[in-house]
């Protein structure tokens, strides 16, 4: 296993713990952690119900916290780890924040905007290109979501 893969898995496990926290709060279990210089810059977990805010996805919460931490809306040279392939709203925010790299766990064939329903990382109209790696600890991330929705049905 390469050092990069070990690092990706370690940070994804951190994001999984945040997703589990979201689930404890009654939210869909998605977690995100934003890294700069190999340090945790910000964390986020799904919170639309708690915040009464449809934009309070894990990625958005982490991006908002990082912007405040850095006192900058540009999050250059950062990596975002998230347990689920981002939606179109979150991909827009990732691009506008100038996040360098995205790593996600579970694929989202119906709504994923990285490489499934849409492929925004390859869109010619975007001014910033985000490199990405998918399917890191995909089984663990997918199982969190499957179990959550199964328990709700």
N, C-alpha and C. Protein backbone atom coordinates (compact mmCIF):
# COMPACT_ATOMS: atom_id res chain seq x y z
N UNK A 1 0.85 -1.18 0.00
CA UNK A 1 0.00 0.00 0.00
C UNK A 1 0.90 1.24 0.00
N UNK A 2 0.58 2.20 -0.86
CA UNK A 2 1.38 3.42 -0.94
C UNK A 2 1.10 4.34 0.24
N UNK A 3 2.01 5.27 0.46
CA UNK A 3 1.84 6.25 1.54
C UNK A 3 0.60 7.09 1.29
N UNK A 4 0.37 7.47 0.02
CA UNK A 4 -0.82 8.27 -0.30
C UNK A 4 -2.09 7.49 0.01
N UNK A 5 -2.14 6.22 -0.34
CA UNK A 5 -3.33 5.41 -0.06
C UNK A 5 -3.54 5.27 1.45
N UNK A 6 -2.47 5.07 2.20
CA UNK A 6 -2.59 4.98 3.66
C UNK A 6 -3.12 6.28 4.23
N UNK A 7 -2.61 7.40 3.74
CA UNK A 7 -3.07 8.72 4.19
C UNK A 7 -4.54 8.92 3.85
N UNK A 8 -4.91 8.58 2.61
CA UNK A 8 -6.31 8.72 2.19
C UNK A 8 -7.24 7.89 3.07
N UNK A 9 -6.84 6.68 3.36
CA UNK A 9 -7.68 5.82 4.20
C UNK A 9 -7.79 6.36 5.62
N UNK A 10 -6.70 6.87 6.16
CA UNK A 10 -6.73 7.40 7.53
C UNK A 10 -7.67 8.60 7.61
N UNK A 11 -7.58 9.52 6.65
CA UNK A 11 -8.48 10.69 6.69
C UNK A 11 -9.92 10.29 6.39
N UNK A 12 -10.11 9.27 5.54
CA UNK A 12 -11.48 8.83 5.27
C UNK A 12 -12.09 8.20 6.53
N UNK A 13 -11.30 7.53 7.32
CA UNK A 13 -11.81 6.99 8.59
C UNK A 13 -12.25 8.13 9.51
N UNK A 14 -11.53 9.22 9.48
CA UNK A 14 -11.92 10.41 10.23
C UNK A 14 -13.27 10.93 9.72
N UNK A 15 -13.42 10.99 8.42
CA UNK A 15 -14.69 11.43 7.83
C UNK A 15 -15.83 10.47 8.19
N UNK A 16 -15.54 9.19 8.25
CA UNK A 16 -16.55 8.20 8.63
C UNK A 16 -17.03 8.45 10.07
N UNK A 17 -16.11 8.78 10.96
CA UNK A 17 -16.51 9.10 12.33
C UNK A 17 -17.43 10.33 12.37
N UNK A 18 -17.17 11.30 11.52
CA UNK A 18 -18.04 12.47 11.43
C UNK A 18 -19.41 12.09 10.87
N UNK A 19 -19.42 11.18 9.91
CA UNK A 19 -20.70 10.69 9.35
C UNK A 19 -21.50 9.97 10.43
N UNK A 20 -20.83 9.20 11.26
CA UNK A 20 -21.51 8.50 12.35
C UNK A 20 -22.10 9.51 13.35
N UNK A 21 -21.39 10.60 13.58
CA UNK A 21 -21.91 11.66 14.45
C UNK A 21 -23.16 12.26 13.83
N UNK A 22 -23.14 12.52 12.53
CA UNK A 22 -24.32 13.05 11.84
C UNK A 22 -25.51 12.11 12.03
N UNK A 23 -25.26 10.84 11.89
CA UNK A 23 -26.33 9.85 12.06
C UNK A 23 -26.91 9.89 13.48
N UNK A 24 -26.05 10.05 14.47
CA UNK A 24 -26.52 10.15 15.86
C UNK A 24 -27.44 11.36 16.05
N UNK A 25 -27.27 12.36 15.21
CA UNK A 25 -28.08 13.57 15.28
C UNK A 25 -29.35 13.45 14.42
N UNK A 26 -29.54 12.29 13.80
CA UNK A 26 -30.71 12.07 12.96
C UNK A 26 -30.54 12.54 11.53
N UNK A 27 -29.32 12.85 11.15
CA UNK A 27 -29.02 13.32 9.80
C UNK A 27 -28.53 12.16 8.94
N UNK A 28 -28.60 12.32 7.63
CA UNK A 28 -28.02 11.34 6.72
C UNK A 28 -26.52 11.28 7.00
N UNK A 29 -25.96 10.08 7.19
CA UNK A 29 -24.57 9.96 7.62
C UNK A 29 -23.55 10.24 6.53
N UNK A 30 -23.20 11.51 6.42
CA UNK A 30 -22.14 11.93 5.52
C UNK A 30 -21.20 12.83 6.33
N UNK A 31 -19.92 12.57 6.21
CA UNK A 31 -18.92 13.37 6.91
C UNK A 31 -17.85 13.86 5.96
N UNK A 32 -17.23 14.98 6.32
CA UNK A 32 -16.17 15.56 5.48
C UNK A 32 -15.09 16.16 6.36
N UNK A 33 -13.87 16.06 5.89
CA UNK A 33 -12.74 16.68 6.59
C UNK A 33 -11.85 17.33 5.53
N UNK A 34 -11.43 18.56 5.80
CA UNK A 34 -10.59 19.31 4.88
C UNK A 34 -9.19 19.42 5.48
N UNK A 35 -8.20 19.04 4.67
CA UNK A 35 -6.82 18.93 5.12
C UNK A 35 -5.95 19.95 4.39
N UNK A 36 -5.06 20.58 5.13
CA UNK A 36 -4.04 21.46 4.54
C UNK A 36 -2.73 21.17 5.27
N UNK A 37 -1.68 20.98 4.51
CA UNK A 37 -0.37 20.70 5.08
C UNK A 37 -0.41 19.52 6.06
N UNK A 38 -1.14 18.48 5.67
CA UNK A 38 -1.26 17.24 6.43
C UNK A 38 -1.90 17.42 7.80
N UNK A 39 -2.62 18.52 7.99
CA UNK A 39 -3.32 18.80 9.24
C UNK A 39 -4.80 19.03 8.95
N UNK A 40 -5.63 18.67 9.90
CA UNK A 40 -7.06 18.93 9.77
C UNK A 40 -7.31 20.43 9.89
N UNK A 41 -7.84 21.00 8.83
CA UNK A 41 -8.18 22.42 8.82
C UNK A 41 -9.61 22.63 9.28
N UNK A 42 -10.51 21.75 8.85
CA UNK A 42 -11.93 21.90 9.20
C UNK A 42 -12.65 20.57 9.01
N UNK A 43 -13.77 20.45 9.72
CA UNK A 43 -14.62 19.26 9.63
C UNK A 43 -16.04 19.68 9.32
N UNK A 44 -16.79 18.73 8.79
CA UNK A 44 -18.21 18.97 8.57
C UNK A 44 -18.96 17.66 8.54
N UNK A 45 -20.23 17.73 8.83
CA UNK A 45 -21.11 16.57 8.74
C UNK A 45 -22.46 17.11 8.33
N UNK A 46 -23.27 16.22 7.78
CA UNK A 46 -24.59 16.65 7.30
C UNK A 46 -25.38 17.29 8.44
N UNK A 47 -26.04 18.41 8.13
CA UNK A 47 -26.83 19.10 9.13
C UNK A 47 -28.02 19.87 8.60
N UNK A 48 -28.61 19.49 7.47
CA UNK A 48 -29.76 20.24 6.96
C UNK A 48 -30.95 20.28 7.92
N UNK A 49 -31.20 19.18 8.61
CA UNK A 49 -32.34 19.15 9.53
C UNK A 49 -32.06 20.04 10.74
N UNK A 50 -30.91 19.87 11.35
CA UNK A 50 -30.56 20.63 12.54
C UNK A 50 -30.52 22.13 12.24
N UNK A 51 -29.92 22.49 11.13
CA UNK A 51 -29.75 23.90 10.79
C UNK A 51 -30.93 24.50 10.02
N UNK A 52 -31.92 23.65 9.68
CA UNK A 52 -33.02 24.10 8.82
C UNK A 52 -32.46 24.78 7.57
N UNK A 53 -31.50 24.11 6.96
CA UNK A 53 -30.75 24.68 5.84
C UNK A 53 -30.45 23.58 4.83
N UNK A 54 -31.09 23.62 3.67
CA UNK A 54 -30.85 22.57 2.68
C UNK A 54 -29.43 22.56 2.13
N UNK A 55 -28.67 23.62 2.35
CA UNK A 55 -27.28 23.66 1.88
C UNK A 55 -26.29 23.14 2.92
N UNK A 56 -26.74 22.70 4.06
CA UNK A 56 -25.84 22.29 5.15
C UNK A 56 -25.34 20.86 4.96
N UNK A 57 -24.82 20.58 3.76
CA UNK A 57 -24.20 19.29 3.50
C UNK A 57 -22.83 19.27 4.17
N UNK A 58 -22.30 18.09 4.40
CA UNK A 58 -21.02 17.93 5.09
C UNK A 58 -19.91 18.74 4.42
N UNK A 59 -19.86 18.69 3.09
CA UNK A 59 -18.81 19.40 2.37
C UNK A 59 -18.93 20.91 2.57
N UNK A 60 -20.13 21.42 2.48
CA UNK A 60 -20.37 22.86 2.63
C UNK A 60 -19.99 23.31 4.04
N UNK A 61 -20.35 22.50 5.04
CA UNK A 61 -20.03 22.86 6.42
C UNK A 61 -18.52 22.91 6.63
N UNK A 62 -17.79 21.96 6.06
CA UNK A 62 -16.33 21.95 6.17
C UNK A 62 -15.72 23.14 5.43
N UNK A 63 -16.23 23.44 4.26
CA UNK A 63 -15.72 24.57 3.48
C UNK A 63 -15.98 25.89 4.21
N UNK A 64 -17.16 26.06 4.77
CA UNK A 64 -17.47 27.28 5.53
C UNK A 64 -16.52 27.44 6.73
N UNK A 65 -16.32 26.35 7.45
CA UNK A 65 -15.44 26.40 8.63
C UNK A 65 -14.00 26.71 8.23
N UNK A 66 -13.54 26.13 7.13
CA UNK A 66 -12.17 26.37 6.67
C UNK A 66 -11.98 27.81 6.22
N UNK A 67 -12.97 28.36 5.53
CA UNK A 67 -12.88 29.76 5.11
C UNK A 67 -12.73 30.69 6.29
N UNK A 68 -13.48 30.42 7.34
CA UNK A 68 -13.38 31.24 8.56
C UNK A 68 -12.02 31.03 9.24
N UNK A 69 -11.57 29.79 9.27
CA UNK A 69 -10.28 29.47 9.91
C UNK A 69 -9.13 30.19 9.20
N UNK A 70 -9.16 30.19 7.87
CA UNK A 70 -8.10 30.82 7.09
C UNK A 70 -8.35 32.30 6.82
N UNK A 71 -9.56 32.75 7.13
CA UNK A 71 -9.96 34.12 6.80
C UNK A 71 -9.79 34.37 5.30
N UNK A 72 -10.24 33.38 4.51
CA UNK A 72 -10.09 33.44 3.06
C UNK A 72 -11.13 32.53 2.42
N UNK A 73 -11.71 32.97 1.33
CA UNK A 73 -12.68 32.13 0.64
C UNK A 73 -12.01 31.17 -0.34
N UNK A 74 -10.73 31.31 -0.55
CA UNK A 74 -9.97 30.40 -1.39
C UNK A 74 -9.26 29.40 -0.50
N UNK A 75 -9.44 28.13 -0.79
CA UNK A 75 -8.87 27.05 0.03
C UNK A 75 -7.82 26.30 -0.79
N UNK A 76 -6.86 27.04 -1.28
CA UNK A 76 -5.82 26.53 -2.16
C UNK A 76 -4.94 25.53 -1.41
N UNK A 77 -4.48 24.52 -2.14
CA UNK A 77 -3.59 23.48 -1.60
C UNK A 77 -4.23 22.70 -0.46
N UNK A 78 -5.51 22.42 -0.61
CA UNK A 78 -6.22 21.61 0.38
C UNK A 78 -6.76 20.34 -0.28
N UNK A 79 -7.06 19.37 0.55
CA UNK A 79 -7.70 18.13 0.12
C UNK A 79 -8.96 17.94 0.95
N UNK A 80 -10.06 17.66 0.27
CA UNK A 80 -11.33 17.40 0.95
C UNK A 80 -11.63 15.91 0.88
N UNK A 81 -11.85 15.32 2.05
CA UNK A 81 -12.26 13.92 2.16
C UNK A 81 -13.73 13.91 2.53
N UNK A 82 -14.53 13.15 1.78
CA UNK A 82 -15.96 13.08 2.07
C UNK A 82 -16.44 11.66 1.83
N UNK A 83 -17.35 11.20 2.65
CA UNK A 83 -17.77 9.79 2.62
C UNK A 83 -18.68 9.44 1.45
N UNK A 84 -19.22 10.45 0.77
CA UNK A 84 -20.12 10.22 -0.37
C UNK A 84 -19.73 11.14 -1.51
N UNK A 85 -19.79 10.61 -2.72
CA UNK A 85 -19.52 11.43 -3.90
C UNK A 85 -20.37 12.70 -3.87
N UNK A 86 -19.75 13.87 -3.98
CA UNK A 86 -20.49 15.13 -3.86
C UNK A 86 -21.56 15.34 -4.93
N UNK A 87 -22.59 16.06 -4.52
CA UNK A 87 -23.67 16.46 -5.42
C UNK A 87 -23.24 17.69 -6.22
N UNK A 88 -24.11 18.14 -7.11
CA UNK A 88 -23.78 19.29 -7.96
C UNK A 88 -23.56 20.56 -7.13
N UNK A 89 -24.34 20.79 -6.10
CA UNK A 89 -24.16 21.98 -5.25
C UNK A 89 -22.78 21.94 -4.59
N UNK A 90 -22.44 20.80 -4.02
CA UNK A 90 -21.16 20.69 -3.32
C UNK A 90 -19.99 20.77 -4.29
N UNK A 91 -20.12 20.18 -5.48
CA UNK A 91 -19.04 20.29 -6.46
C UNK A 91 -18.84 21.74 -6.87
N UNK A 92 -19.92 22.49 -7.00
CA UNK A 92 -19.80 23.91 -7.31
C UNK A 92 -19.01 24.64 -6.24
N UNK A 93 -19.31 24.36 -4.99
CA UNK A 93 -18.59 24.99 -3.88
C UNK A 93 -17.13 24.56 -3.84
N UNK A 94 -16.87 23.30 -4.11
CA UNK A 94 -15.50 22.78 -4.13
C UNK A 94 -14.68 23.50 -5.19
N UNK A 95 -15.25 23.66 -6.36
CA UNK A 95 -14.56 24.35 -7.45
C UNK A 95 -14.34 25.83 -7.10
N UNK A 96 -15.37 26.51 -6.62
CA UNK A 96 -15.25 27.93 -6.30
C UNK A 96 -14.28 28.18 -5.17
N UNK A 97 -14.14 27.23 -4.25
CA UNK A 97 -13.19 27.37 -3.14
C UNK A 97 -11.75 27.08 -3.59
N UNK A 98 -11.61 26.55 -4.78
CA UNK A 98 -10.29 26.20 -5.34
C UNK A 98 -9.60 25.08 -4.56
N UNK A 99 -10.42 24.16 -4.04
CA UNK A 99 -9.85 22.98 -3.39
C UNK A 99 -9.06 22.19 -4.43
N UNK A 100 -7.88 21.76 -4.07
CA UNK A 100 -6.99 21.11 -5.03
C UNK A 100 -7.36 19.67 -5.33
N UNK A 101 -7.74 18.96 -4.27
CA UNK A 101 -7.97 17.52 -4.44
C UNK A 101 -9.20 17.10 -3.65
N UNK A 102 -9.95 16.19 -4.23
CA UNK A 102 -11.14 15.62 -3.61
C UNK A 102 -10.96 14.12 -3.51
N UNK A 103 -11.28 13.57 -2.35
CA UNK A 103 -11.25 12.12 -2.14
C UNK A 103 -12.60 11.74 -1.56
N UNK A 104 -13.29 10.80 -2.21
CA UNK A 104 -14.59 10.39 -1.67
C UNK A 104 -14.66 8.88 -1.52
N UNK A 105 -15.62 8.47 -0.69
CA UNK A 105 -15.80 7.05 -0.40
C UNK A 105 -16.83 6.40 -1.29
N UNK A 106 -18.10 6.50 -0.92
CA UNK A 106 -19.18 5.84 -1.65
C UNK A 106 -19.51 6.57 -2.94
N UNK A 107 -19.75 5.80 -3.99
CA UNK A 107 -20.23 6.37 -5.24
C UNK A 107 -21.71 6.72 -5.10
N UNK A 108 -22.15 7.74 -5.83
CA UNK A 108 -23.57 8.10 -5.86
C UNK A 108 -24.03 8.10 -7.31
N UNK A 109 -24.45 6.92 -7.80
CA UNK A 109 -24.83 6.80 -9.20
C UNK A 109 -25.97 7.72 -9.64
N UNK A 110 -26.88 8.05 -8.73
CA UNK A 110 -28.05 8.87 -9.10
C UNK A 110 -27.79 10.37 -9.02
N UNK A 111 -26.95 10.82 -8.09
CA UNK A 111 -26.77 12.25 -7.89
C UNK A 111 -25.32 12.71 -7.85
N UNK A 112 -24.39 11.79 -7.95
CA UNK A 112 -22.97 12.14 -7.87
C UNK A 112 -22.54 13.03 -9.03
N UNK A 113 -21.85 14.11 -8.70
CA UNK A 113 -21.47 15.08 -9.72
C UNK A 113 -19.97 15.08 -10.02
N UNK A 114 -19.28 14.01 -9.60
CA UNK A 114 -17.86 13.88 -9.91
C UNK A 114 -17.68 12.99 -11.13
N UNK A 115 -18.31 11.80 -11.09
CA UNK A 115 -18.08 10.83 -12.17
C UNK A 115 -19.28 9.94 -12.46
N UNK A 116 -20.45 10.30 -11.92
CA UNK A 116 -21.61 9.45 -12.15
C UNK A 116 -22.73 10.20 -12.88
N UNK A 117 -23.68 10.78 -12.17
CA UNK A 117 -24.78 11.48 -12.83
C UNK A 117 -24.26 12.65 -13.67
N UNK A 118 -23.26 13.34 -13.14
CA UNK A 118 -22.56 14.42 -13.85
C UNK A 118 -21.07 14.21 -13.69
N UNK A 119 -20.29 14.81 -14.57
CA UNK A 119 -18.84 14.73 -14.48
C UNK A 119 -18.29 16.15 -14.45
N UNK A 120 -18.57 16.86 -13.36
CA UNK A 120 -18.17 18.26 -13.27
C UNK A 120 -16.67 18.47 -13.17
N UNK A 121 -15.94 17.47 -12.75
CA UNK A 121 -14.48 17.63 -12.67
C UNK A 121 -13.88 17.77 -14.06
N UNK A 122 -14.61 17.35 -15.09
CA UNK A 122 -14.11 17.44 -16.47
C UNK A 122 -14.82 18.53 -17.28
N UNK A 123 -15.67 19.31 -16.65
CA UNK A 123 -16.46 20.31 -17.38
C UNK A 123 -15.56 21.43 -17.91
N UNK A 124 -15.66 21.69 -19.20
CA UNK A 124 -14.84 22.72 -19.84
C UNK A 124 -15.15 24.12 -19.36
N UNK A 125 -16.37 24.36 -18.89
CA UNK A 125 -16.76 25.71 -18.51
C UNK A 125 -16.24 26.12 -17.13
N UNK A 126 -15.69 25.20 -16.38
CA UNK A 126 -15.16 25.53 -15.06
C UNK A 126 -13.73 26.07 -15.16
N UNK A 127 -13.43 27.06 -14.36
CA UNK A 127 -12.12 27.70 -14.41
C UNK A 127 -11.09 27.02 -13.52
N UNK A 128 -11.53 26.11 -12.67
CA UNK A 128 -10.61 25.40 -11.76
C UNK A 128 -10.88 23.90 -11.90
N UNK A 129 -9.83 23.15 -12.07
CA UNK A 129 -9.94 21.69 -12.16
C UNK A 129 -9.53 21.08 -10.82
N UNK A 130 -10.36 20.18 -10.35
CA UNK A 130 -10.12 19.48 -9.09
C UNK A 130 -9.67 18.06 -9.42
N UNK A 131 -8.53 17.66 -8.91
CA UNK A 131 -8.14 16.26 -9.08
C UNK A 131 -8.94 15.44 -8.06
N UNK A 132 -9.19 14.20 -8.36
CA UNK A 132 -10.02 13.41 -7.46
C UNK A 132 -9.63 11.94 -7.46
N UNK A 133 -9.99 11.31 -6.36
CA UNK A 133 -9.85 9.87 -6.18
C UNK A 133 -11.14 9.40 -5.54
N UNK A 134 -11.73 8.36 -6.10
CA UNK A 134 -12.98 7.84 -5.57
C UNK A 134 -12.82 6.44 -5.00
N UNK A 135 -13.86 6.00 -4.32
CA UNK A 135 -13.97 4.64 -3.80
C UNK A 135 -12.97 4.30 -2.71
N UNK A 136 -12.54 5.30 -1.93
CA UNK A 136 -11.68 5.02 -0.79
C UNK A 136 -12.57 4.58 0.38
N UNK A 137 -12.35 3.38 0.87
CA UNK A 137 -13.19 2.75 1.91
C UNK A 137 -14.66 2.79 1.49
N UNK A 138 -14.89 2.53 0.23
CA UNK A 138 -16.24 2.62 -0.35
C UNK A 138 -17.24 1.71 0.34
N UNK A 139 -16.83 0.51 0.68
CA UNK A 139 -17.76 -0.43 1.33
C UNK A 139 -18.23 0.11 2.67
N UNK A 140 -17.31 0.58 3.49
CA UNK A 140 -17.68 1.13 4.79
C UNK A 140 -18.59 2.34 4.65
N UNK A 141 -18.24 3.22 3.72
CA UNK A 141 -19.05 4.42 3.51
C UNK A 141 -20.44 4.07 2.98
N UNK A 142 -20.49 3.16 2.04
CA UNK A 142 -21.78 2.74 1.47
C UNK A 142 -22.65 2.05 2.52
N UNK A 143 -22.04 1.20 3.33
CA UNK A 143 -22.80 0.49 4.35
C UNK A 143 -23.44 1.44 5.36
N UNK A 144 -22.74 2.51 5.72
CA UNK A 144 -23.32 3.51 6.63
C UNK A 144 -24.64 4.04 6.06
N UNK A 145 -24.61 4.39 4.80
CA UNK A 145 -25.80 4.95 4.15
C UNK A 145 -26.90 3.90 3.99
N UNK A 146 -26.52 2.71 3.54
CA UNK A 146 -27.51 1.64 3.35
C UNK A 146 -28.21 1.30 4.66
N UNK A 147 -27.44 1.15 5.73
CA UNK A 147 -28.02 0.82 7.03
C UNK A 147 -28.92 1.95 7.54
N UNK A 148 -28.49 3.18 7.32
CA UNK A 148 -29.30 4.33 7.75
C UNK A 148 -30.66 4.33 7.06
N UNK A 149 -30.66 4.20 5.74
CA UNK A 149 -31.92 4.24 5.00
C UNK A 149 -32.75 2.99 5.22
N UNK A 150 -32.09 1.85 5.41
CA UNK A 150 -32.83 0.62 5.71
C UNK A 150 -33.58 0.75 7.04
N UNK A 151 -32.96 1.36 8.02
CA UNK A 151 -33.60 1.52 9.33
C UNK A 151 -34.78 2.50 9.28
N UNK A 152 -34.80 3.34 8.27
CA UNK A 152 -35.88 4.34 8.13
C UNK A 152 -37.09 3.80 7.39
N UNK A 153 -36.94 2.64 6.74
CA UNK A 153 -38.02 2.10 5.91
C UNK A 153 -38.84 1.10 6.64
